[in-house]
Amino acid sequence: MARPTANTSLDAAERALAAVVDDPLRAEAAALAVLSDRGVDAEAASVAHRTVGLVARETGRLSVARQRLRRAIAVADERVVHRRERV
């Protein structure tokens, strides 16, 4: 089986994010699947953490929501720092 590329991981994470309102449990499962891939890139990971955080918020798990949303920001910040270092 072929390993997912960064683009397919990001696409999957964005599809999960789009599903938060209509089907939060499916969205959370899809986001966790993205995060389970060892090779997931930072952008896809950030979107997936955001998705899990938003689902947690919608389902009243505010502590989990705070942790996941902070993780999404941290991952995105790390990505920006790494991009600047390469320039």
N, C-alpha and C. Protein backbone atom coordinates (compact mmCIF):
# COMPACT_ATOMS: atom_id res chain seq x y z
N MET A 1 0.84 -1.18 0.00
CA MET A 1 0.00 0.00 0.00
C MET A 1 0.89 1.24 0.00
N ALA A 2 0.53 2.22 -0.78
CA ALA A 2 1.33 3.43 -0.90
C ALA A 2 1.18 4.30 0.33
N ARG A 3 2.26 4.93 0.69
CA ARG A 3 2.27 5.83 1.84
C ARG A 3 1.61 7.15 1.43
N PRO A 4 0.72 7.72 2.27
CA PRO A 4 0.07 8.97 1.91
C PRO A 4 1.08 10.10 1.79
N THR A 5 0.86 10.97 0.85
CA THR A 5 1.73 12.12 0.69
C THR A 5 1.25 13.25 1.59
N ALA A 6 2.08 14.28 1.69
CA ALA A 6 1.70 15.43 2.51
C ALA A 6 0.39 16.03 2.02
N ASN A 7 0.22 16.10 0.71
CA ASN A 7 -1.00 16.69 0.16
C ASN A 7 -2.23 15.86 0.52
N THR A 8 -2.13 14.53 0.45
CA THR A 8 -3.29 13.71 0.80
C THR A 8 -3.58 13.80 2.29
N SER A 9 -2.55 13.91 3.12
CA SER A 9 -2.77 14.09 4.56
C SER A 9 -3.45 15.42 4.83
N LEU A 10 -3.00 16.47 4.17
CA LEU A 10 -3.62 17.78 4.34
C LEU A 10 -5.05 17.76 3.83
N ASP A 11 -5.28 17.14 2.69
CA ASP A 11 -6.64 17.04 2.16
C ASP A 11 -7.55 16.31 3.15
N ALA A 12 -7.07 15.22 3.72
CA ALA A 12 -7.86 14.46 4.69
C ALA A 12 -8.14 15.30 5.93
N ALA A 13 -7.14 16.04 6.39
CA ALA A 13 -7.32 16.90 7.57
C ALA A 13 -8.34 18.00 7.29
N GLU A 14 -8.28 18.57 6.10
CA GLU A 14 -9.23 19.63 5.74
C GLU A 14 -10.64 19.10 5.58
N ARG A 15 -10.78 17.88 5.05
CA ARG A 15 -12.11 17.26 4.96
C ARG A 15 -12.67 17.01 6.36
N ALA A 16 -11.82 16.57 7.26
CA ALA A 16 -12.25 16.35 8.65
C ALA A 16 -12.72 17.66 9.27
N LEU A 17 -11.96 18.72 9.06
CA LEU A 17 -12.32 20.03 9.60
C LEU A 17 -13.67 20.48 9.07
N ALA A 18 -13.90 20.27 7.79
CA ALA A 18 -15.17 20.68 7.18
C ALA A 18 -16.36 19.90 7.73
N ALA A 19 -16.13 18.73 8.27
CA ALA A 19 -17.21 17.88 8.78
C ALA A 19 -17.55 18.12 10.24
N VAL A 20 -16.85 19.01 10.91
CA VAL A 20 -17.05 19.21 12.35
C VAL A 20 -18.50 19.53 12.69
N VAL A 21 -19.12 20.41 11.97
CA VAL A 21 -20.49 20.83 12.30
C VAL A 21 -21.50 19.74 11.99
N ASP A 22 -21.37 19.11 10.83
CA ASP A 22 -22.36 18.12 10.41
C ASP A 22 -22.22 16.77 11.08
N ASP A 23 -20.98 16.34 11.31
CA ASP A 23 -20.75 15.00 11.88
C ASP A 23 -19.48 15.03 12.74
N PRO A 24 -19.57 15.59 13.94
CA PRO A 24 -18.38 15.78 14.75
C PRO A 24 -17.63 14.50 15.09
N LEU A 25 -18.33 13.41 15.33
CA LEU A 25 -17.63 12.17 15.68
C LEU A 25 -16.86 11.61 14.49
N ARG A 26 -17.42 11.72 13.30
CA ARG A 26 -16.70 11.29 12.10
C ARG A 26 -15.51 12.21 11.85
N ALA A 27 -15.70 13.50 12.07
CA ALA A 27 -14.62 14.46 11.90
C ALA A 27 -13.46 14.16 12.85
N GLU A 28 -13.80 13.87 14.10
CA GLU A 28 -12.77 13.57 15.09
C GLU A 28 -12.02 12.29 14.71
N ALA A 29 -12.74 11.27 14.31
CA ALA A 29 -12.10 10.00 13.92
C ALA A 29 -11.18 10.22 12.72
N ALA A 30 -11.62 11.00 11.75
CA ALA A 30 -10.80 11.26 10.57
C ALA A 30 -9.54 12.06 10.94
N ALA A 31 -9.69 13.03 11.82
CA ALA A 31 -8.54 13.83 12.25
C ALA A 31 -7.54 12.98 13.02
N LEU A 32 -8.04 12.12 13.88
CA LEU A 32 -7.15 11.23 14.63
C LEU A 32 -6.43 10.26 13.71
N ALA A 33 -7.10 9.86 12.64
CA ALA A 33 -6.45 8.99 11.65
C ALA A 33 -5.29 9.71 10.97
N VAL A 34 -5.47 10.98 10.67
CA VAL A 34 -4.39 11.79 10.08
C VAL A 34 -3.22 11.85 11.06
N LEU A 35 -3.52 12.10 12.32
CA LEU A 35 -2.47 12.23 13.33
C LEU A 35 -1.76 10.91 13.61
N SER A 36 -2.40 9.80 13.31
CA SER A 36 -1.79 8.50 13.58
C SER A 36 -0.69 8.16 12.58
N ASP A 37 -0.64 8.85 11.46
CA ASP A 37 0.40 8.62 10.46
C ASP A 37 1.71 9.23 10.94
N ARG A 38 2.73 8.42 11.11
CA ARG A 38 4.02 8.91 11.60
C ARG A 38 4.63 9.98 10.70
N GLY A 39 4.32 9.93 9.42
CA GLY A 39 4.92 10.87 8.48
C GLY A 39 4.10 12.11 8.20
N VAL A 40 3.07 12.36 9.02
CA VAL A 40 2.21 13.50 8.76
C VAL A 40 3.02 14.80 8.86
N ASP A 41 2.78 15.71 7.91
CA ASP A 41 3.51 16.97 7.94
C ASP A 41 2.86 17.95 8.92
N ALA A 42 3.57 19.01 9.23
CA ALA A 42 3.13 19.96 10.27
C ALA A 42 1.81 20.63 9.93
N GLU A 43 1.62 20.99 8.67
CA GLU A 43 0.39 21.68 8.32
C GLU A 43 -0.83 20.77 8.51
N ALA A 44 -0.73 19.55 8.04
CA ALA A 44 -1.83 18.60 8.20
C ALA A 44 -2.06 18.30 9.68
N ALA A 45 -0.98 18.16 10.45
CA ALA A 45 -1.10 17.89 11.88
C ALA A 45 -1.79 19.05 12.59
N SER A 46 -1.44 20.27 12.23
CA SER A 46 -2.05 21.43 12.85
C SER A 46 -3.56 21.47 12.58
N VAL A 47 -3.94 21.23 11.33
CA VAL A 47 -5.36 21.21 10.97
C VAL A 47 -6.08 20.09 11.72
N ALA A 48 -5.45 18.93 11.81
CA ALA A 48 -6.07 17.80 12.51
C ALA A 48 -6.25 18.09 14.00
N HIS A 49 -5.24 18.67 14.63
CA HIS A 49 -5.37 19.03 16.05
C HIS A 49 -6.48 20.06 16.24
N ARG A 50 -6.56 21.02 15.32
CA ARG A 50 -7.63 22.02 15.39
C ARG A 50 -8.99 21.34 15.31
N THR A 51 -9.12 20.39 14.40
CA THR A 51 -10.39 19.67 14.25
C THR A 51 -10.77 18.95 15.53
N VAL A 52 -9.83 18.23 16.11
CA VAL A 52 -10.12 17.51 17.36
C VAL A 52 -10.50 18.52 18.46
N GLY A 53 -9.82 19.65 18.49
CA GLY A 53 -10.15 20.68 19.47
C GLY A 53 -11.55 21.26 19.29
N LEU A 54 -11.92 21.49 18.06
CA LEU A 54 -13.25 22.04 17.80
C LEU A 54 -14.35 21.03 18.14
N VAL A 55 -14.11 19.77 17.82
CA VAL A 55 -15.08 18.73 18.19
C VAL A 55 -15.19 18.65 19.71
N ALA A 56 -14.07 18.69 20.39
CA ALA A 56 -14.09 18.65 21.86
C ALA A 56 -14.88 19.83 22.42
N ARG A 57 -14.70 21.00 21.84
CA ARG A 57 -15.45 22.18 22.28
C ARG A 57 -16.94 21.98 22.07
N GLU A 58 -17.30 21.47 20.89
CA GLU A 58 -18.71 21.25 20.56
C GLU A 58 -19.36 20.20 21.45
N THR A 59 -18.57 19.28 21.97
CA THR A 59 -19.12 18.21 22.81
C THR A 59 -18.89 18.46 24.30
N GLY A 60 -18.47 19.68 24.64
CA GLY A 60 -18.37 20.07 26.04
C GLY A 60 -17.11 19.62 26.76
N ARG A 61 -16.13 19.11 26.04
CA ARG A 61 -14.88 18.68 26.66
C ARG A 61 -13.88 19.83 26.54
N LEU A 62 -14.08 20.83 27.36
CA LEU A 62 -13.35 22.09 27.21
C LEU A 62 -11.86 21.97 27.52
N SER A 63 -11.49 21.14 28.45
CA SER A 63 -10.07 20.95 28.76
C SER A 63 -9.34 20.33 27.57
N VAL A 64 -9.97 19.32 26.98
CA VAL A 64 -9.39 18.68 25.79
C VAL A 64 -9.34 19.69 24.65
N ALA A 65 -10.39 20.47 24.50
CA ALA A 65 -10.43 21.48 23.44
C ALA A 65 -9.27 22.45 23.59
N ARG A 66 -9.06 22.94 24.78
CA ARG A 66 -7.97 23.89 25.03
C ARG A 66 -6.62 23.26 24.68
N GLN A 67 -6.40 22.03 25.12
CA GLN A 67 -5.12 21.35 24.85
C GLN A 67 -4.90 21.17 23.36
N ARG A 68 -5.91 20.69 22.64
CA ARG A 68 -5.76 20.43 21.20
C ARG A 68 -5.61 21.72 20.41
N LEU A 69 -6.36 22.75 20.77
CA LEU A 69 -6.24 24.01 20.03
C LEU A 69 -4.88 24.65 20.28
N ARG A 70 -4.38 24.56 21.49
CA ARG A 70 -3.03 25.06 21.77
C ARG A 70 -1.98 24.26 21.01
N ARG A 71 -2.19 22.95 20.91
CA ARG A 71 -1.25 22.10 20.16
C ARG A 71 -1.27 22.47 18.68
N ALA A 72 -2.46 22.74 18.14
CA ALA A 72 -2.57 23.16 16.74
C ALA A 72 -1.76 24.43 16.49
N ILE A 73 -1.85 25.37 17.41
CA ILE A 73 -1.10 26.62 17.28
C ILE A 73 0.39 26.36 17.39
N ALA A 74 0.79 25.53 18.35
CA ALA A 74 2.22 25.24 18.54
C ALA A 74 2.81 24.56 17.31
N VAL A 75 2.09 23.62 16.73
CA VAL A 75 2.58 22.93 15.53
C VAL A 75 2.70 23.92 14.39
N ALA A 76 1.72 24.78 14.22
CA ALA A 76 1.78 25.79 13.16
C ALA A 76 2.94 26.75 13.38
N ASP A 77 3.15 27.15 14.63
CA ASP A 77 4.27 28.05 14.94
C ASP A 77 5.61 27.38 14.63
N GLU A 78 5.75 26.10 14.97
CA GLU A 78 6.98 25.37 14.67
C GLU A 78 7.23 25.35 13.17
N ARG A 79 6.18 25.17 12.40
CA ARG A 79 6.29 25.13 10.94
C ARG A 79 6.82 26.46 10.42
N VAL A 80 6.30 27.55 10.95
CA VAL A 80 6.73 28.88 10.51
C VAL A 80 8.21 29.10 10.86
N VAL A 81 8.62 28.71 12.06
CA VAL A 81 10.01 28.86 12.48
C VAL A 81 10.93 28.08 11.56
N HIS A 82 10.55 26.83 11.24
CA HIS A 82 11.38 26.00 10.37
C HIS A 82 11.48 26.58 8.96
N ARG A 83 10.41 27.17 8.48
CA ARG A 83 10.42 27.78 7.15
C ARG A 83 11.38 28.98 7.15
N ARG A 84 11.37 29.76 8.21
CA ARG A 84 12.25 30.93 8.29
C ARG A 84 13.72 30.51 8.35
N GLU A 85 13.98 29.41 9.05
CA GLU A 85 15.37 28.93 9.18
C GLU A 85 15.92 28.47 7.84
N ARG A 86 15.07 27.97 6.97
CA ARG A 86 15.53 27.49 5.66
C ARG A 86 15.82 28.64 4.71
N VAL A 87 15.24 29.78 4.94
CA VAL A 87 15.39 30.92 4.02
C VAL A 87 16.72 31.58 4.17
